[in-house]
N, C-alpha and C. Protein backbone atom coordinates (compact mmCIF):
# COMPACT_ATOMS: atom_id res chain seq x y z
N MET A 1 33.71 -75.83 -26.03
CA MET A 1 34.16 -76.23 -24.71
C MET A 1 32.99 -76.45 -23.77
N ILE A 2 31.98 -75.57 -23.86
CA ILE A 2 30.78 -75.70 -23.02
C ILE A 2 30.08 -77.02 -23.31
N LEU A 3 29.85 -77.30 -24.58
CA LEU A 3 29.15 -78.52 -24.95
C LEU A 3 29.96 -79.76 -24.61
N ASP A 4 31.26 -79.72 -24.80
CA ASP A 4 32.09 -80.87 -24.45
C ASP A 4 32.01 -81.17 -22.96
N TYR A 5 31.88 -80.15 -22.14
CA TYR A 5 31.82 -80.35 -20.70
C TYR A 5 30.46 -80.91 -20.27
N PHE A 6 29.37 -80.24 -20.72
CA PHE A 6 28.05 -80.63 -20.27
C PHE A 6 27.43 -81.77 -21.08
N GLU A 7 27.84 -81.92 -22.32
CA GLU A 7 27.30 -82.95 -23.21
C GLU A 7 28.46 -83.68 -23.89
N PRO A 8 29.24 -84.44 -23.13
CA PRO A 8 30.46 -85.03 -23.70
C PRO A 8 30.22 -85.99 -24.86
N TYR A 9 29.01 -86.49 -25.00
CA TYR A 9 28.74 -87.44 -26.08
C TYR A 9 27.87 -86.84 -27.18
N ASN A 10 27.85 -85.52 -27.27
CA ASN A 10 27.02 -84.90 -28.30
C ASN A 10 27.62 -85.14 -29.69
N ASN A 11 26.80 -85.00 -30.68
CA ASN A 11 27.24 -85.18 -32.06
C ASN A 11 27.27 -83.85 -32.81
N ILE A 12 27.50 -82.78 -32.10
CA ILE A 12 27.49 -81.46 -32.71
C ILE A 12 28.84 -81.21 -33.38
N THR A 13 28.79 -80.79 -34.62
CA THR A 13 30.01 -80.54 -35.40
C THR A 13 30.35 -79.06 -35.38
N ILE A 14 31.54 -78.75 -35.85
CA ILE A 14 31.95 -77.34 -35.97
C ILE A 14 31.01 -76.60 -36.92
N TYR A 15 30.48 -77.30 -37.90
CA TYR A 15 29.53 -76.68 -38.84
C TYR A 15 28.22 -76.35 -38.15
N ASP A 16 27.77 -77.22 -37.24
CA ASP A 16 26.58 -76.93 -36.45
C ASP A 16 26.80 -75.69 -35.58
N LEU A 17 27.99 -75.61 -34.98
CA LEU A 17 28.29 -74.46 -34.12
C LEU A 17 28.37 -73.17 -34.93
N GLU A 18 28.97 -73.24 -36.11
CA GLU A 18 29.05 -72.05 -36.95
C GLU A 18 27.66 -71.58 -37.36
N GLU A 19 26.77 -72.52 -37.62
CA GLU A 19 25.40 -72.16 -37.97
C GLU A 19 24.67 -71.56 -36.76
N SER A 20 24.85 -72.17 -35.59
CA SER A 20 24.15 -71.69 -34.39
C SER A 20 24.62 -70.32 -33.94
N THR A 21 25.86 -69.97 -34.26
CA THR A 21 26.39 -68.65 -33.87
C THR A 21 26.32 -67.64 -35.01
N HIS A 22 25.78 -68.07 -36.14
CA HIS A 22 25.64 -67.22 -37.34
C HIS A 22 27.00 -66.77 -37.87
N LYS A 23 27.99 -67.65 -37.76
CA LYS A 23 29.34 -67.32 -38.22
C LYS A 23 29.38 -67.26 -39.74
N LEU A 24 29.98 -66.21 -40.24
CA LEU A 24 30.21 -66.05 -41.67
C LEU A 24 31.66 -66.40 -41.98
N PRO A 25 31.94 -66.93 -43.16
CA PRO A 25 33.33 -67.29 -43.51
C PRO A 25 34.28 -66.10 -43.36
N GLY A 26 35.39 -66.35 -42.66
CA GLY A 26 36.41 -65.32 -42.49
C GLY A 26 36.07 -64.22 -41.50
N MET A 27 34.94 -64.34 -40.84
CA MET A 27 34.50 -63.30 -39.91
C MET A 27 34.46 -63.85 -38.48
N ALA A 28 34.43 -62.95 -37.52
CA ALA A 28 34.28 -63.29 -36.11
C ALA A 28 32.79 -63.34 -35.76
N THR A 29 32.49 -63.81 -34.56
CA THR A 29 31.10 -63.87 -34.13
C THR A 29 30.91 -63.04 -32.86
N TRP A 30 29.68 -62.65 -32.63
CA TRP A 30 29.28 -62.03 -31.37
C TRP A 30 28.75 -63.13 -30.47
N ASN A 31 28.48 -62.82 -29.24
CA ASN A 31 28.01 -63.83 -28.29
C ASN A 31 26.51 -64.09 -28.36
N MET A 32 25.74 -63.19 -28.93
CA MET A 32 24.27 -63.24 -28.82
C MET A 32 23.64 -64.50 -29.39
N ALA A 33 23.91 -64.83 -30.64
CA ALA A 33 23.26 -65.98 -31.29
C ALA A 33 23.60 -67.27 -30.57
N GLY A 34 24.85 -67.43 -30.18
CA GLY A 34 25.26 -68.64 -29.47
C GLY A 34 24.60 -68.78 -28.12
N LEU A 35 24.48 -67.68 -27.39
CA LEU A 35 23.83 -67.73 -26.07
C LEU A 35 22.34 -68.03 -26.21
N LEU A 36 21.70 -67.44 -27.20
CA LEU A 36 20.29 -67.74 -27.45
C LEU A 36 20.11 -69.22 -27.81
N TRP A 37 21.02 -69.76 -28.61
CA TRP A 37 20.97 -71.15 -29.01
C TRP A 37 21.13 -72.07 -27.79
N LEU A 38 22.08 -71.73 -26.91
CA LEU A 38 22.27 -72.53 -25.69
C LEU A 38 21.02 -72.48 -24.81
N GLN A 39 20.42 -71.31 -24.69
CA GLN A 39 19.20 -71.19 -23.90
C GLN A 39 18.09 -72.07 -24.51
N ASP A 40 17.98 -72.07 -25.82
CA ASP A 40 16.99 -72.92 -26.48
C ASP A 40 17.25 -74.40 -26.25
N ARG A 41 18.51 -74.78 -25.99
CA ARG A 41 18.89 -76.18 -25.70
C ARG A 41 18.67 -76.53 -24.23
N GLY A 42 18.15 -75.59 -23.43
CA GLY A 42 17.85 -75.88 -22.03
C GLY A 42 18.90 -75.44 -21.03
N TYR A 43 19.90 -74.72 -21.48
CA TYR A 43 20.95 -74.24 -20.57
C TYR A 43 20.48 -73.01 -19.82
N GLU A 44 21.00 -72.83 -18.59
CA GLU A 44 20.84 -71.57 -17.87
C GLU A 44 21.95 -70.67 -18.38
N VAL A 45 21.57 -69.50 -18.87
CA VAL A 45 22.53 -68.60 -19.50
C VAL A 45 22.41 -67.22 -18.86
N LYS A 46 23.54 -66.69 -18.42
CA LYS A 46 23.61 -65.35 -17.84
C LYS A 46 24.67 -64.55 -18.60
N ASN A 47 24.40 -63.31 -18.81
CA ASN A 47 25.36 -62.41 -19.47
C ASN A 47 25.36 -61.10 -18.69
N ILE A 48 26.54 -60.66 -18.28
CA ILE A 48 26.64 -59.39 -17.55
C ILE A 48 27.63 -58.51 -18.29
N GLU A 49 27.17 -57.35 -18.67
CA GLU A 49 28.01 -56.35 -19.33
C GLU A 49 27.26 -55.03 -19.39
N LEU A 50 27.97 -53.98 -19.64
CA LEU A 50 27.38 -52.65 -19.71
C LEU A 50 26.69 -52.39 -21.05
N PHE A 51 26.98 -53.19 -22.02
CA PHE A 51 26.48 -53.01 -23.39
C PHE A 51 24.96 -52.98 -23.42
N ASP A 52 24.39 -52.03 -24.18
CA ASP A 52 22.95 -51.88 -24.33
C ASP A 52 22.55 -52.46 -25.69
N TYR A 53 22.01 -53.66 -25.68
CA TYR A 53 21.68 -54.34 -26.93
C TYR A 53 20.55 -53.67 -27.69
N THR A 54 19.63 -53.03 -27.00
CA THR A 54 18.56 -52.30 -27.69
C THR A 54 19.14 -51.11 -28.45
N ARG A 55 20.02 -50.37 -27.81
CA ARG A 55 20.66 -49.24 -28.51
C ARG A 55 21.49 -49.72 -29.69
N PHE A 56 22.23 -50.82 -29.49
CA PHE A 56 23.01 -51.35 -30.60
C PHE A 56 22.11 -51.76 -31.76
N ALA A 57 20.98 -52.39 -31.46
CA ALA A 57 20.04 -52.80 -32.51
C ALA A 57 19.57 -51.59 -33.32
N ASN A 58 19.39 -50.46 -32.64
CA ASN A 58 18.90 -49.25 -33.31
C ASN A 58 19.99 -48.39 -33.93
N GLU A 59 21.18 -48.34 -33.31
CA GLU A 59 22.20 -47.39 -33.73
C GLU A 59 23.44 -48.01 -34.37
N GLY A 60 23.66 -49.30 -34.18
CA GLY A 60 24.77 -50.00 -34.82
C GLY A 60 26.15 -49.44 -34.49
N TYR A 61 26.94 -49.24 -35.53
CA TYR A 61 28.34 -48.82 -35.41
C TYR A 61 28.50 -47.52 -34.61
N LYS A 62 27.59 -46.60 -34.77
CA LYS A 62 27.65 -45.34 -34.02
C LYS A 62 27.66 -45.61 -32.50
N TYR A 63 26.83 -46.53 -32.06
CA TYR A 63 26.79 -46.88 -30.64
C TYR A 63 28.10 -47.56 -30.22
N LEU A 64 28.65 -48.41 -31.08
CA LEU A 64 29.91 -49.09 -30.75
C LEU A 64 31.03 -48.09 -30.49
N ILE A 65 31.12 -47.06 -31.29
CA ILE A 65 32.14 -46.01 -31.08
C ILE A 65 31.94 -45.36 -29.72
N GLU A 66 30.70 -45.06 -29.39
CA GLU A 66 30.40 -44.40 -28.11
C GLU A 66 30.77 -45.28 -26.92
N ILE A 67 30.42 -46.57 -26.97
CA ILE A 67 30.62 -47.43 -25.80
C ILE A 67 32.03 -48.01 -25.73
N TRP A 68 32.65 -48.31 -26.88
CA TRP A 68 33.94 -48.99 -26.89
C TRP A 68 35.10 -48.14 -27.35
N GLY A 69 34.83 -47.03 -28.00
CA GLY A 69 35.91 -46.24 -28.59
C GLY A 69 36.19 -46.69 -30.02
N GLN A 70 36.93 -45.87 -30.73
CA GLN A 70 37.15 -46.07 -32.16
C GLN A 70 37.88 -47.38 -32.50
N THR A 71 38.93 -47.72 -31.76
CA THR A 71 39.74 -48.90 -32.10
C THR A 71 38.92 -50.18 -32.04
N VAL A 72 38.21 -50.39 -30.95
CA VAL A 72 37.43 -51.62 -30.79
C VAL A 72 36.22 -51.61 -31.72
N ALA A 73 35.59 -50.45 -31.88
CA ALA A 73 34.46 -50.34 -32.81
C ALA A 73 34.89 -50.67 -34.24
N ASP A 74 36.05 -50.18 -34.63
CA ASP A 74 36.57 -50.48 -35.97
C ASP A 74 36.86 -51.98 -36.12
N HIS A 75 37.38 -52.59 -35.07
CA HIS A 75 37.63 -54.03 -35.09
C HIS A 75 36.31 -54.78 -35.32
N ALA A 76 35.26 -54.39 -34.60
CA ALA A 76 33.95 -55.03 -34.77
C ALA A 76 33.41 -54.79 -36.17
N ARG A 77 33.57 -53.59 -36.68
CA ARG A 77 33.09 -53.26 -38.03
C ARG A 77 33.80 -54.11 -39.08
N ASP A 78 35.11 -54.27 -38.91
CA ASP A 78 35.90 -54.97 -39.91
C ASP A 78 35.80 -56.49 -39.81
N LYS A 79 35.50 -57.02 -38.63
CA LYS A 79 35.53 -58.47 -38.42
C LYS A 79 34.15 -59.13 -38.25
N THR A 80 33.07 -58.33 -38.22
CA THR A 80 31.73 -58.90 -38.06
C THR A 80 30.76 -58.21 -39.00
N ASP A 81 29.60 -58.82 -39.16
CA ASP A 81 28.52 -58.27 -40.00
C ASP A 81 27.57 -57.50 -39.08
N ILE A 82 27.85 -56.22 -38.91
CA ILE A 82 27.09 -55.42 -37.94
C ILE A 82 25.60 -55.38 -38.24
N PRO A 83 25.15 -55.15 -39.49
CA PRO A 83 23.69 -55.15 -39.73
C PRO A 83 23.01 -56.46 -39.33
N SER A 84 23.65 -57.59 -39.59
CA SER A 84 23.08 -58.88 -39.19
C SER A 84 23.03 -58.99 -37.66
N GLU A 85 24.10 -58.55 -37.00
CA GLU A 85 24.15 -58.62 -35.54
C GLU A 85 23.13 -57.68 -34.89
N GLN A 86 22.83 -56.58 -35.54
CA GLN A 86 21.82 -55.66 -35.01
C GLN A 86 20.46 -56.35 -34.94
N LYS A 87 20.15 -57.18 -35.92
CA LYS A 87 18.87 -57.90 -35.91
C LYS A 87 18.82 -58.90 -34.76
N ILE A 88 19.91 -59.60 -34.55
CA ILE A 88 19.96 -60.57 -33.45
C ILE A 88 19.92 -59.86 -32.10
N ALA A 89 20.49 -58.66 -32.04
CA ALA A 89 20.56 -57.91 -30.78
C ALA A 89 19.18 -57.61 -30.21
N LEU A 90 18.22 -57.32 -31.07
CA LEU A 90 16.88 -57.03 -30.57
C LEU A 90 16.26 -58.26 -29.92
N GLN A 91 16.43 -59.41 -30.54
CA GLN A 91 15.95 -60.66 -29.95
C GLN A 91 16.67 -60.94 -28.63
N PHE A 92 17.97 -60.70 -28.61
CA PHE A 92 18.77 -60.93 -27.40
C PHE A 92 18.31 -60.01 -26.27
N ALA A 93 18.06 -58.74 -26.59
CA ALA A 93 17.60 -57.79 -25.57
C ALA A 93 16.29 -58.23 -24.95
N ASN A 94 15.43 -58.81 -25.75
CA ASN A 94 14.12 -59.25 -25.27
C ASN A 94 14.18 -60.59 -24.53
N SER A 95 15.30 -61.29 -24.59
CA SER A 95 15.42 -62.62 -23.98
C SER A 95 15.62 -62.57 -22.47
N LYS A 96 16.03 -61.46 -21.94
CA LYS A 96 16.31 -61.28 -20.51
C LYS A 96 17.52 -62.08 -20.04
N ILE A 97 18.36 -62.51 -20.97
CA ILE A 97 19.61 -63.20 -20.62
C ILE A 97 20.59 -62.21 -20.00
N SER A 98 20.60 -61.00 -20.53
CA SER A 98 21.65 -60.05 -20.19
C SER A 98 21.25 -59.09 -19.08
N GLU A 99 22.18 -58.89 -18.16
CA GLU A 99 22.04 -57.90 -17.11
C GLU A 99 23.01 -56.77 -17.43
N ARG A 100 22.51 -55.55 -17.46
CA ARG A 100 23.29 -54.41 -17.93
C ARG A 100 24.00 -53.70 -16.77
N ARG A 101 25.23 -54.13 -16.54
CA ARG A 101 26.10 -53.52 -15.53
C ARG A 101 27.51 -54.07 -15.75
N ILE A 102 28.47 -53.52 -15.04
CA ILE A 102 29.85 -53.99 -15.14
C ILE A 102 30.02 -55.22 -14.24
N PRO A 103 30.48 -56.36 -14.80
CA PRO A 103 30.69 -57.54 -13.97
C PRO A 103 31.90 -57.37 -13.04
N THR A 104 31.90 -58.15 -11.97
CA THR A 104 32.95 -58.04 -10.95
C THR A 104 33.61 -59.39 -10.71
N TRP A 105 34.73 -59.35 -9.97
CA TRP A 105 35.36 -60.60 -9.53
C TRP A 105 34.38 -61.42 -8.70
N HIS A 106 33.58 -60.74 -7.89
CA HIS A 106 32.59 -61.42 -7.04
C HIS A 106 31.61 -62.21 -7.90
N ASP A 107 31.14 -61.61 -9.01
CA ASP A 107 30.25 -62.33 -9.94
C ASP A 107 30.93 -63.59 -10.45
N LEU A 108 32.15 -63.43 -10.89
CA LEU A 108 32.91 -64.56 -11.42
C LEU A 108 33.04 -65.67 -10.38
N GLU A 109 33.42 -65.31 -9.17
CA GLU A 109 33.57 -66.30 -8.09
C GLU A 109 32.25 -66.99 -7.77
N ASP A 110 31.17 -66.21 -7.70
CA ASP A 110 29.85 -66.77 -7.38
C ASP A 110 29.39 -67.76 -8.44
N PHE A 111 29.55 -67.41 -9.70
CA PHE A 111 29.13 -68.31 -10.76
C PHE A 111 29.93 -69.62 -10.72
N LEU A 112 31.22 -69.53 -10.50
CA LEU A 112 32.03 -70.74 -10.42
C LEU A 112 31.58 -71.62 -9.26
N LYS A 113 31.27 -71.02 -8.11
CA LYS A 113 30.80 -71.78 -6.94
C LYS A 113 29.46 -72.45 -7.20
N GLN A 114 28.63 -71.85 -8.07
CA GLN A 114 27.31 -72.38 -8.38
C GLN A 114 27.33 -73.42 -9.50
N GLY A 115 28.51 -73.76 -10.01
CA GLY A 115 28.61 -74.80 -11.03
C GLY A 115 28.52 -74.32 -12.46
N TYR A 116 28.56 -73.02 -12.66
CA TYR A 116 28.56 -72.48 -14.02
C TYR A 116 29.97 -72.56 -14.59
N LEU A 117 30.06 -72.67 -15.90
CA LEU A 117 31.30 -72.39 -16.60
C LEU A 117 31.21 -70.92 -17.00
N VAL A 118 32.32 -70.21 -16.92
CA VAL A 118 32.30 -68.76 -17.14
C VAL A 118 33.18 -68.41 -18.32
N ILE A 119 32.63 -67.61 -19.19
CA ILE A 119 33.34 -67.13 -20.37
C ILE A 119 33.57 -65.64 -20.21
N ALA A 120 34.77 -65.21 -20.52
CA ALA A 120 35.09 -63.79 -20.52
C ALA A 120 35.66 -63.42 -21.88
N GLN A 121 35.28 -62.25 -22.34
CA GLN A 121 35.91 -61.73 -23.55
C GLN A 121 37.14 -60.95 -23.13
N VAL A 122 38.25 -61.25 -23.78
CA VAL A 122 39.51 -60.58 -23.47
C VAL A 122 40.11 -60.01 -24.75
N ASN A 123 41.06 -59.12 -24.56
CA ASN A 123 41.90 -58.69 -25.67
C ASN A 123 43.05 -59.70 -25.72
N SER A 124 43.00 -60.60 -26.70
CA SER A 124 44.02 -61.64 -26.75
C SER A 124 45.40 -61.07 -27.04
N ARG A 125 45.46 -59.94 -27.70
CA ARG A 125 46.76 -59.32 -27.95
C ARG A 125 47.39 -58.91 -26.62
N TYR A 126 46.62 -58.25 -25.76
CA TYR A 126 47.15 -57.85 -24.46
C TYR A 126 47.46 -59.09 -23.60
N LEU A 127 46.55 -60.05 -23.60
CA LEU A 127 46.74 -61.27 -22.81
C LEU A 127 48.06 -61.94 -23.17
N ASN A 128 48.43 -61.88 -24.45
CA ASN A 128 49.66 -62.51 -24.93
C ASN A 128 50.83 -61.53 -25.03
N ARG A 129 50.65 -60.38 -24.34
CA ARG A 129 51.72 -59.38 -24.22
C ARG A 129 52.18 -58.83 -25.57
N LYS A 130 51.17 -58.48 -26.39
CA LYS A 130 51.43 -57.89 -27.71
C LYS A 130 50.62 -56.61 -27.84
N GLU A 131 51.01 -55.77 -28.77
CA GLU A 131 50.29 -54.53 -29.05
C GLU A 131 49.04 -54.81 -29.87
N GLY A 132 48.05 -53.93 -29.77
CA GLY A 132 46.86 -54.02 -30.61
C GLY A 132 45.67 -54.61 -29.89
N TYR A 133 44.63 -54.87 -30.67
CA TYR A 133 43.39 -55.40 -30.10
C TYR A 133 42.87 -56.55 -30.94
N ASN A 134 42.45 -57.63 -30.27
CA ASN A 134 41.74 -58.73 -30.90
C ASN A 134 40.81 -59.32 -29.86
N GLY A 135 39.51 -59.12 -30.03
CA GLY A 135 38.53 -59.68 -29.11
C GLY A 135 38.52 -61.19 -29.20
N HIS A 136 38.46 -61.85 -28.03
CA HIS A 136 38.63 -63.30 -27.97
C HIS A 136 37.95 -63.82 -26.71
N PHE A 137 37.31 -64.98 -26.78
CA PHE A 137 36.65 -65.58 -25.62
C PHE A 137 37.50 -66.67 -25.00
N VAL A 138 37.57 -66.69 -23.68
CA VAL A 138 38.25 -67.76 -22.94
C VAL A 138 37.28 -68.32 -21.91
N LEU A 139 37.51 -69.56 -21.51
CA LEU A 139 36.65 -70.25 -20.55
C LEU A 139 37.36 -70.36 -19.21
N ILE A 140 36.84 -69.66 -18.22
CA ILE A 140 37.43 -69.66 -16.87
C ILE A 140 36.82 -70.80 -16.06
N TYR A 141 37.68 -71.60 -15.43
CA TYR A 141 37.18 -72.70 -14.63
C TYR A 141 37.61 -72.61 -13.17
N ASP A 142 38.52 -71.67 -12.82
CA ASP A 142 38.93 -71.56 -11.42
C ASP A 142 39.65 -70.23 -11.19
N LEU A 143 39.60 -69.80 -9.94
CA LEU A 143 40.35 -68.62 -9.47
C LEU A 143 41.04 -69.02 -8.18
N ASP A 144 42.23 -68.52 -7.99
CA ASP A 144 42.83 -68.64 -6.67
C ASP A 144 43.23 -67.23 -6.23
N LYS A 145 43.93 -67.13 -5.14
CA LYS A 145 44.29 -65.83 -4.59
C LYS A 145 45.10 -64.98 -5.57
N TYR A 146 45.89 -65.62 -6.41
CA TYR A 146 46.80 -64.89 -7.29
C TYR A 146 46.51 -65.01 -8.79
N ASN A 147 45.88 -66.11 -9.20
CA ASN A 147 45.76 -66.40 -10.63
C ASN A 147 44.34 -66.71 -11.08
N VAL A 148 44.14 -66.52 -12.38
CA VAL A 148 42.93 -66.95 -13.06
C VAL A 148 43.32 -68.18 -13.88
N HIS A 149 42.54 -69.25 -13.76
CA HIS A 149 42.81 -70.49 -14.47
C HIS A 149 41.74 -70.63 -15.56
N PHE A 150 42.19 -70.83 -16.79
CA PHE A 150 41.24 -70.83 -17.91
C PHE A 150 41.76 -71.66 -19.08
N HIS A 151 40.82 -72.01 -19.95
CA HIS A 151 41.16 -72.65 -21.21
C HIS A 151 41.09 -71.57 -22.28
N ASP A 152 42.13 -71.48 -23.06
CA ASP A 152 42.20 -70.49 -24.14
C ASP A 152 42.17 -71.24 -25.46
N PRO A 153 41.03 -71.18 -26.18
CA PRO A 153 40.95 -71.94 -27.42
C PRO A 153 41.87 -71.41 -28.52
N GLY A 154 42.38 -70.19 -28.36
CA GLY A 154 43.31 -69.63 -29.33
C GLY A 154 42.80 -69.77 -30.74
N GLY A 155 43.70 -69.96 -31.66
CA GLY A 155 43.34 -70.22 -33.05
C GLY A 155 43.45 -71.71 -33.31
N THR A 156 43.61 -72.08 -34.56
CA THR A 156 43.66 -73.49 -34.90
C THR A 156 44.93 -74.16 -34.40
N THR A 157 46.01 -73.39 -34.17
CA THR A 157 47.26 -74.00 -33.71
C THR A 157 47.79 -73.41 -32.41
N THR A 158 47.06 -72.49 -31.82
CA THR A 158 47.59 -71.78 -30.65
C THR A 158 46.75 -71.96 -29.40
N HIS A 159 45.99 -73.04 -29.28
CA HIS A 159 45.16 -73.21 -28.09
C HIS A 159 46.04 -73.53 -26.87
N HIS A 160 45.55 -73.08 -25.73
CA HIS A 160 46.29 -73.26 -24.47
C HIS A 160 45.33 -73.79 -23.40
N PRO A 161 45.17 -75.11 -23.30
CA PRO A 161 44.34 -75.63 -22.20
C PRO A 161 45.05 -75.41 -20.87
N ASN A 162 44.24 -75.26 -19.83
CA ASN A 162 44.78 -75.12 -18.46
C ASN A 162 45.81 -74.00 -18.33
N ARG A 163 45.50 -72.88 -18.91
CA ARG A 163 46.39 -71.72 -18.84
C ARG A 163 46.10 -70.97 -17.55
N GLN A 164 47.09 -70.27 -17.04
CA GLN A 164 46.85 -69.39 -15.90
C GLN A 164 47.61 -68.10 -16.11
N GLU A 165 47.03 -67.03 -15.61
CA GLU A 165 47.65 -65.70 -15.66
C GLU A 165 47.40 -65.02 -14.33
N PRO A 166 48.33 -64.16 -13.91
CA PRO A 166 48.09 -63.39 -12.69
C PRO A 166 46.79 -62.59 -12.82
N ARG A 167 46.08 -62.46 -11.71
CA ARG A 167 44.79 -61.77 -11.73
C ARG A 167 44.87 -60.37 -12.34
N ASP A 168 45.89 -59.59 -11.98
CA ASP A 168 45.96 -58.22 -12.49
C ASP A 168 46.17 -58.18 -13.99
N HIS A 169 47.00 -59.08 -14.53
CA HIS A 169 47.21 -59.12 -15.98
C HIS A 169 45.94 -59.57 -16.71
N PHE A 170 45.29 -60.60 -16.16
CA PHE A 170 44.06 -61.09 -16.77
C PHE A 170 42.99 -60.00 -16.75
N TYR A 171 42.86 -59.32 -15.61
CA TYR A 171 41.84 -58.28 -15.49
C TYR A 171 42.06 -57.17 -16.53
N ARG A 172 43.28 -56.80 -16.76
CA ARG A 172 43.59 -55.77 -17.75
C ARG A 172 43.21 -56.23 -19.16
N ALA A 173 43.46 -57.51 -19.48
CA ALA A 173 43.08 -58.05 -20.79
C ALA A 173 41.56 -58.18 -20.89
N TRP A 174 40.91 -58.51 -19.77
CA TRP A 174 39.46 -58.66 -19.74
C TRP A 174 38.80 -57.29 -19.91
N GLY A 175 39.31 -56.27 -19.28
CA GLY A 175 38.71 -54.94 -19.31
C GLY A 175 39.40 -54.00 -20.28
N ASP A 176 39.80 -54.48 -21.43
CA ASP A 176 40.48 -53.62 -22.41
C ASP A 176 39.47 -53.16 -23.45
N PRO A 177 39.36 -51.86 -23.70
CA PRO A 177 40.27 -50.79 -23.33
C PRO A 177 40.04 -50.21 -21.93
N ASP A 178 38.86 -50.46 -21.32
CA ASP A 178 38.61 -50.02 -19.95
C ASP A 178 37.52 -50.90 -19.36
N GLU A 179 37.14 -50.64 -18.10
CA GLU A 179 36.19 -51.54 -17.44
C GLU A 179 34.82 -51.59 -18.11
N LYS A 180 34.49 -50.61 -18.95
CA LYS A 180 33.22 -50.66 -19.67
C LYS A 180 33.18 -51.82 -20.65
N ALA A 181 34.34 -52.38 -21.00
CA ALA A 181 34.41 -53.49 -21.95
C ALA A 181 34.27 -54.86 -21.28
N LEU A 182 34.19 -54.91 -19.95
CA LEU A 182 34.09 -56.20 -19.26
C LEU A 182 32.81 -56.94 -19.65
N ILE A 183 32.98 -58.20 -20.06
CA ILE A 183 31.87 -59.07 -20.42
C ILE A 183 32.07 -60.39 -19.69
N LEU A 184 31.00 -60.87 -19.06
CA LEU A 184 31.04 -62.14 -18.36
C LEU A 184 29.80 -62.92 -18.76
N MET A 185 30.00 -64.15 -19.21
CA MET A 185 28.91 -65.04 -19.55
C MET A 185 29.02 -66.28 -18.67
N ALA A 186 27.91 -66.71 -18.09
CA ALA A 186 27.91 -67.89 -17.23
C ALA A 186 26.87 -68.86 -17.77
N ILE A 187 27.28 -70.14 -17.89
CA ILE A 187 26.43 -71.13 -18.53
C ILE A 187 26.49 -72.43 -17.74
N LYS A 188 25.31 -73.02 -17.52
CA LYS A 188 25.29 -74.35 -16.92
C LYS A 188 24.06 -75.09 -17.40
N LYS A 189 24.16 -76.40 -17.34
CA LYS A 189 23.04 -77.28 -17.72
C LYS A 189 22.37 -77.73 -16.43
N PRO A 190 21.10 -77.36 -16.23
CA PRO A 190 20.41 -77.78 -15.00
C PRO A 190 20.27 -79.29 -14.90
């Protein structure tokens, strides 16, 4: 979605994207490799979250349990290649892309006003009013007094362009299991 917006005539394929994000067959991806790749392509990239990438690089799954709790840590363990991600995490920590704190609505509003596209990680199960946890990225393009407006890429058959949810429901999905899980990524092409 980012590339389609800023580079509408690019020739990048899904295979190129899978390579740039280090996606393994049948597995999910983390944000680090993709954000580093975008930065290498000349994009301004910001990441705000409480997560400590240096600690993750050194401690792996043990750190995930501490910061996210057992359910989300187990999801990451089962759906991603943690040892591979630990290697990327050290490079990401040294890139200065990430600011280590809890993001706010104010951050989201400011980035949108400055022309960034904003990505938030949400619990798609909660967002869709279901039990359980599934980490998922959505692209926020607007906020109003009551709603968050975003594109939800969903799966191969469940995408929802121009979706909106009440702010309180979206915030709960964004900060699941608690506010320590809030992740905000802002990207723009200068």
